[in-house]
């Protein structure tokens, strides 16, 4: 199954918290575990009518996925193709935002 990222919401990803997404890199596949989903409750982005090329998209709250990866390698920010067994391939802009002693945290934001 492949999801439409334009219509995806936090609820699309919620059943997959704790599951791994795989990212292919030059060093080999890197597993990124979906750790948390933050919904930006105060956001008004996409809370109203959105129409692009005659297609009306449903409103949604902005949200962010927090992913946990290994300490190394650290993936540079940018577009990454992540694979999930149920959701299929996803092209997401992923950025590292914190590196701890045993992991690197990444974020993917949906506006």
N, C-alpha and C. Protein backbone atom coordinates (compact mmCIF):
# COMPACT_ATOMS: atom_id res chain seq x y z
N UNK A 1 0.84 -1.17 0.00
CA UNK A 1 0.00 0.00 0.00
C UNK A 1 0.89 1.24 0.00
N UNK A 2 0.57 2.20 -0.82
CA UNK A 2 1.27 3.47 -0.82
C UNK A 2 0.29 4.55 -0.38
N UNK A 3 0.73 5.40 0.53
CA UNK A 3 -0.17 6.45 1.03
C UNK A 3 0.07 7.74 0.27
N UNK A 4 -0.97 8.58 0.23
CA UNK A 4 -0.89 9.89 -0.39
C UNK A 4 -0.43 10.87 0.68
N UNK A 5 0.77 11.41 0.54
CA UNK A 5 1.31 12.30 1.56
C UNK A 5 0.58 13.62 1.63
N UNK A 6 -0.14 14.00 0.59
CA UNK A 6 -0.92 15.25 0.62
C UNK A 6 -2.10 15.12 1.56
N UNK A 7 -2.68 13.93 1.63
CA UNK A 7 -3.86 13.73 2.48
C UNK A 7 -3.53 12.99 3.78
N UNK A 8 -2.28 12.59 3.97
CA UNK A 8 -1.89 11.87 5.19
C UNK A 8 -2.04 12.78 6.41
N UNK A 9 -2.44 12.18 7.51
CA UNK A 9 -2.57 12.89 8.78
C UNK A 9 -1.75 12.16 9.84
N UNK A 10 -1.72 12.73 11.02
CA UNK A 10 -1.04 12.06 12.13
C UNK A 10 -1.64 10.67 12.35
N UNK A 11 -2.94 10.56 12.17
CA UNK A 11 -3.62 9.27 12.38
C UNK A 11 -3.19 8.21 11.36
N UNK A 12 -2.73 8.64 10.20
CA UNK A 12 -2.22 7.70 9.19
C UNK A 12 -1.02 6.95 9.75
N UNK A 13 -0.18 7.66 10.52
CA UNK A 13 1.06 7.09 11.03
C UNK A 13 0.95 6.52 12.44
N UNK A 14 -0.07 6.92 13.19
CA UNK A 14 -0.17 6.52 14.61
C UNK A 14 -0.09 5.00 14.83
N UNK A 15 -0.71 4.15 13.99
CA UNK A 15 -0.61 2.70 14.23
C UNK A 15 0.81 2.15 14.03
N UNK A 16 1.71 2.97 13.50
CA UNK A 16 3.05 2.49 13.17
C UNK A 16 4.12 3.01 14.13
N UNK A 17 3.70 3.67 15.21
CA UNK A 17 4.66 4.09 16.24
C UNK A 17 5.32 2.84 16.80
N UNK A 18 6.64 2.89 16.91
CA UNK A 18 7.41 1.74 17.39
C UNK A 18 7.89 0.83 16.28
N UNK A 19 7.49 1.11 15.05
CA UNK A 19 7.89 0.28 13.91
C UNK A 19 9.04 0.95 13.14
N UNK A 20 9.77 0.12 12.41
CA UNK A 20 10.93 0.60 11.64
C UNK A 20 10.56 0.96 10.21
N UNK A 21 11.18 2.03 9.74
CA UNK A 21 11.20 2.44 8.35
C UNK A 21 12.64 2.29 7.91
N UNK A 22 12.89 1.79 6.73
CA UNK A 22 14.25 1.57 6.26
C UNK A 22 14.62 2.60 5.21
N UNK A 23 15.83 3.15 5.35
CA UNK A 23 16.35 4.12 4.40
C UNK A 23 17.62 3.55 3.77
N UNK A 24 17.65 3.47 2.45
CA UNK A 24 18.85 2.99 1.76
C UNK A 24 19.89 4.11 1.75
N UNK A 25 21.14 3.77 2.09
CA UNK A 25 22.25 4.73 2.06
C UNK A 25 23.44 4.07 1.40
N UNK A 26 24.47 4.86 1.13
CA UNK A 26 25.71 4.30 0.56
C UNK A 26 26.36 3.31 1.51
N UNK A 27 26.13 3.48 2.81
CA UNK A 27 26.70 2.58 3.83
C UNK A 27 25.83 1.36 4.08
N UNK A 28 24.71 1.26 3.34
CA UNK A 28 23.77 0.16 3.54
C UNK A 28 22.48 0.67 4.14
N UNK A 29 21.51 -0.23 4.35
CA UNK A 29 20.22 0.20 4.88
C UNK A 29 20.33 0.68 6.33
N UNK A 30 19.59 1.75 6.63
CA UNK A 30 19.55 2.30 7.98
C UNK A 30 18.10 2.26 8.46
N UNK A 31 17.90 1.66 9.63
CA UNK A 31 16.55 1.58 10.20
C UNK A 31 16.28 2.84 11.01
N UNK A 32 15.11 3.44 10.76
CA UNK A 32 14.64 4.59 11.53
C UNK A 32 13.31 4.19 12.16
N UNK A 33 13.27 4.15 13.48
CA UNK A 33 12.06 3.73 14.21
C UNK A 33 11.18 4.95 14.49
N UNK A 34 9.91 4.84 14.14
CA UNK A 34 8.96 5.91 14.43
C UNK A 34 8.73 5.93 15.94
N UNK A 35 9.18 7.00 16.58
CA UNK A 35 9.14 7.09 18.03
C UNK A 35 7.96 7.90 18.54
N UNK A 36 7.60 8.97 17.82
CA UNK A 36 6.60 9.88 18.34
C UNK A 36 5.97 10.67 17.20
N UNK A 37 4.75 11.13 17.43
CA UNK A 37 4.06 12.00 16.49
C UNK A 37 3.58 13.21 17.27
N UNK A 38 3.99 14.39 16.82
CA UNK A 38 3.56 15.62 17.48
C UNK A 38 2.60 16.34 16.55
N UNK A 39 1.41 16.65 17.07
CA UNK A 39 0.41 17.42 16.32
C UNK A 39 0.50 18.86 16.79
N UNK A 40 0.61 19.78 15.85
CA UNK A 40 0.69 21.20 16.18
C UNK A 40 -0.73 21.75 16.30
N UNK A 41 -1.28 21.62 17.49
CA UNK A 41 -2.68 21.98 17.74
C UNK A 41 -2.99 23.43 17.43
N UNK A 42 -2.04 24.33 17.67
CA UNK A 42 -2.28 25.75 17.43
C UNK A 42 -2.11 26.16 15.99
N UNK A 43 -1.72 25.24 15.14
CA UNK A 43 -1.47 25.55 13.74
C UNK A 43 -2.77 25.72 12.97
N UNK A 44 -2.79 26.72 12.10
CA UNK A 44 -3.96 26.90 11.24
C UNK A 44 -3.65 26.47 9.80
N UNK A 45 -2.45 25.94 9.58
CA UNK A 45 -2.10 25.46 8.25
C UNK A 45 -2.98 24.27 7.90
N UNK A 46 -3.57 24.33 6.73
CA UNK A 46 -4.43 23.27 6.21
C UNK A 46 -5.65 23.00 7.07
N UNK A 47 -5.99 23.93 7.98
CA UNK A 47 -7.21 23.77 8.76
C UNK A 47 -8.42 24.28 8.00
N UNK A 48 -8.17 24.78 6.80
CA UNK A 48 -9.26 25.35 6.02
C UNK A 48 -9.22 24.83 4.59
N UNK A 49 -9.99 25.41 3.74
CA UNK A 49 -10.14 24.98 2.34
C UNK A 49 -8.80 25.07 1.60
N UNK A 50 -8.41 23.98 0.94
CA UNK A 50 -7.21 23.97 0.10
C UNK A 50 -7.59 23.35 -1.23
N UNK A 51 -7.35 24.09 -2.30
CA UNK A 51 -7.64 23.60 -3.64
C UNK A 51 -6.42 23.83 -4.51
N UNK A 52 -5.96 22.75 -5.16
CA UNK A 52 -4.83 22.82 -6.07
C UNK A 52 -5.24 22.17 -7.37
N UNK A 53 -5.16 22.93 -8.45
CA UNK A 53 -5.50 22.44 -9.79
C UNK A 53 -6.89 21.79 -9.82
N UNK A 54 -7.84 22.41 -9.13
CA UNK A 54 -9.21 21.91 -9.14
C UNK A 54 -9.49 20.77 -8.19
N UNK A 55 -8.48 20.31 -7.45
CA UNK A 55 -8.67 19.22 -6.49
C UNK A 55 -8.76 19.84 -5.10
N UNK A 56 -9.81 19.51 -4.36
CA UNK A 56 -10.00 20.01 -3.00
C UNK A 56 -9.44 18.97 -2.03
N UNK A 57 -8.55 19.44 -1.14
CA UNK A 57 -7.93 18.55 -0.15
C UNK A 57 -8.55 18.79 1.22
N UNK A 58 -8.75 17.73 1.97
CA UNK A 58 -9.38 17.87 3.30
C UNK A 58 -8.44 18.62 4.25
N UNK A 59 -9.01 19.32 5.23
CA UNK A 59 -8.16 20.02 6.20
C UNK A 59 -7.40 19.02 7.06
N UNK A 60 -6.26 19.47 7.58
CA UNK A 60 -5.49 18.66 8.53
C UNK A 60 -4.64 19.58 9.38
N UNK A 61 -4.32 19.13 10.56
CA UNK A 61 -3.39 19.83 11.44
C UNK A 61 -1.97 19.48 11.00
N UNK A 62 -1.07 20.47 11.08
CA UNK A 62 0.33 20.19 10.83
C UNK A 62 0.82 19.22 11.90
N UNK A 63 1.76 18.35 11.53
CA UNK A 63 2.29 17.38 12.49
C UNK A 63 3.71 17.02 12.10
N UNK A 64 4.42 16.41 13.03
CA UNK A 64 5.80 15.99 12.80
C UNK A 64 6.00 14.56 13.30
N UNK A 65 6.78 13.81 12.56
CA UNK A 65 7.19 12.46 12.96
C UNK A 65 8.58 12.57 13.57
N UNK A 66 8.79 11.95 14.72
CA UNK A 66 10.12 11.83 15.29
C UNK A 66 10.58 10.40 15.07
N UNK A 67 11.76 10.27 14.46
CA UNK A 67 12.32 8.96 14.12
C UNK A 67 13.65 8.79 14.86
N UNK A 68 13.90 7.59 15.35
CA UNK A 68 15.15 7.28 16.04
C UNK A 68 16.00 6.42 15.11
N UNK A 69 17.23 6.88 14.89
CA UNK A 69 18.17 6.11 14.07
C UNK A 69 19.41 5.78 14.89
N UNK A 70 20.33 5.04 14.28
CA UNK A 70 21.56 4.70 14.99
C UNK A 70 22.43 5.93 15.22
N UNK A 71 23.37 5.81 16.13
CA UNK A 71 24.31 6.90 16.40
C UNK A 71 25.09 7.25 15.14
N UNK A 72 25.46 6.25 14.37
CA UNK A 72 26.18 6.47 13.11
C UNK A 72 25.72 5.40 12.12
N UNK A 73 25.61 5.73 10.86
CA UNK A 73 25.90 7.02 10.27
C UNK A 73 24.77 8.01 10.52
N UNK A 74 25.13 9.30 10.55
CA UNK A 74 24.12 10.35 10.65
C UNK A 74 23.71 10.70 9.22
N UNK A 75 22.43 10.60 8.95
CA UNK A 75 21.92 10.93 7.62
C UNK A 75 21.82 12.44 7.49
N UNK A 76 22.36 13.03 6.43
CA UNK A 76 22.21 14.48 6.26
C UNK A 76 20.76 14.82 5.95
N UNK A 77 20.35 16.03 6.29
CA UNK A 77 18.98 16.42 5.99
C UNK A 77 18.76 16.42 4.49
N UNK A 78 17.55 16.10 4.11
CA UNK A 78 17.20 16.08 2.70
C UNK A 78 16.10 15.07 2.43
N UNK A 79 15.77 14.95 1.15
CA UNK A 79 14.74 13.99 0.74
C UNK A 79 15.29 12.58 0.88
N UNK A 80 14.55 11.76 1.56
CA UNK A 80 14.92 10.36 1.78
C UNK A 80 13.76 9.47 1.36
N UNK A 81 14.09 8.36 0.73
CA UNK A 81 13.06 7.37 0.43
C UNK A 81 13.07 6.35 1.56
N UNK A 82 12.00 6.39 2.36
CA UNK A 82 11.84 5.45 3.45
C UNK A 82 10.89 4.35 3.02
N UNK A 83 11.18 3.13 3.44
CA UNK A 83 10.31 2.00 3.11
C UNK A 83 9.73 1.42 4.39
N UNK A 84 8.43 1.14 4.33
CA UNK A 84 7.73 0.51 5.45
C UNK A 84 6.93 -0.66 4.88
N UNK A 85 6.91 -1.80 5.57
CA UNK A 85 6.24 -2.98 5.03
C UNK A 85 4.75 -2.78 4.72
N UNK A 86 4.06 -1.95 5.47
CA UNK A 86 2.63 -1.74 5.22
C UNK A 86 2.36 -0.46 4.41
N UNK A 87 3.11 0.60 4.69
CA UNK A 87 2.86 1.89 4.03
C UNK A 87 3.53 2.00 2.67
N UNK A 88 4.52 1.16 2.41
CA UNK A 88 5.24 1.21 1.14
C UNK A 88 6.31 2.28 1.16
N UNK A 89 6.78 2.70 -0.02
CA UNK A 89 7.82 3.71 -0.09
C UNK A 89 7.25 5.11 0.15
N UNK A 90 8.00 5.92 0.90
CA UNK A 90 7.61 7.29 1.21
C UNK A 90 8.79 8.22 0.94
N UNK A 91 8.60 9.26 0.16
CA UNK A 91 9.62 10.28 -0.04
C UNK A 91 9.36 11.40 0.95
N UNK A 92 10.24 11.53 1.95
CA UNK A 92 10.07 12.52 3.00
C UNK A 92 11.32 13.37 3.15
N UNK A 93 11.13 14.65 3.49
CA UNK A 93 12.26 15.49 3.88
C UNK A 93 12.52 15.19 5.35
N UNK A 94 13.69 14.64 5.63
CA UNK A 94 14.05 14.20 6.98
C UNK A 94 15.28 14.99 7.41
N UNK A 95 15.27 15.49 8.65
CA UNK A 95 16.39 16.27 9.16
C UNK A 95 16.79 15.77 10.55
N UNK A 96 18.10 15.57 10.77
CA UNK A 96 18.55 15.23 12.12
C UNK A 96 18.43 16.47 13.00
N UNK A 97 18.02 16.28 14.27
CA UNK A 97 17.93 17.43 15.15
C UNK A 97 18.59 17.21 16.50
N UNK A 98 19.01 15.97 16.79
CA UNK A 98 19.66 15.70 18.08
C UNK A 98 20.43 14.40 17.98
N UNK A 99 21.60 14.41 18.58
CA UNK A 99 22.42 13.20 18.62
C UNK A 99 22.74 12.90 20.07
N UNK A 100 22.32 11.74 20.54
CA UNK A 100 22.59 11.31 21.91
C UNK A 100 23.76 10.33 21.90
N UNK A 101 24.08 9.79 23.06
CA UNK A 101 25.21 8.87 23.15
C UNK A 101 25.00 7.57 22.37
N UNK A 102 23.74 7.20 22.11
CA UNK A 102 23.51 5.93 21.42
C UNK A 102 22.56 6.02 20.23
N UNK A 103 22.10 7.22 19.86
CA UNK A 103 21.17 7.33 18.74
C UNK A 103 21.18 8.74 18.14
N UNK A 104 20.56 8.86 17.00
CA UNK A 104 20.34 10.15 16.35
C UNK A 104 18.84 10.30 16.15
N UNK A 105 18.30 11.47 16.48
CA UNK A 105 16.88 11.73 16.30
C UNK A 105 16.66 12.56 15.04
N UNK A 106 15.62 12.19 14.30
CA UNK A 106 15.28 12.86 13.04
C UNK A 106 13.84 13.32 13.11
N UNK A 107 13.51 14.30 12.26
CA UNK A 107 12.15 14.80 12.20
C UNK A 107 11.72 14.96 10.75
N UNK A 108 10.46 14.63 10.51
CA UNK A 108 9.81 14.86 9.21
C UNK A 108 8.53 15.63 9.51
N UNK A 109 8.39 16.83 8.94
CA UNK A 109 7.26 17.71 9.24
C UNK A 109 6.28 17.72 8.08
N UNK A 110 5.00 17.67 8.41
CA UNK A 110 3.92 17.74 7.43
C UNK A 110 3.12 19.00 7.71
N UNK A 111 3.08 19.91 6.73
CA UNK A 111 2.30 21.15 6.86
C UNK A 111 1.01 21.03 6.09
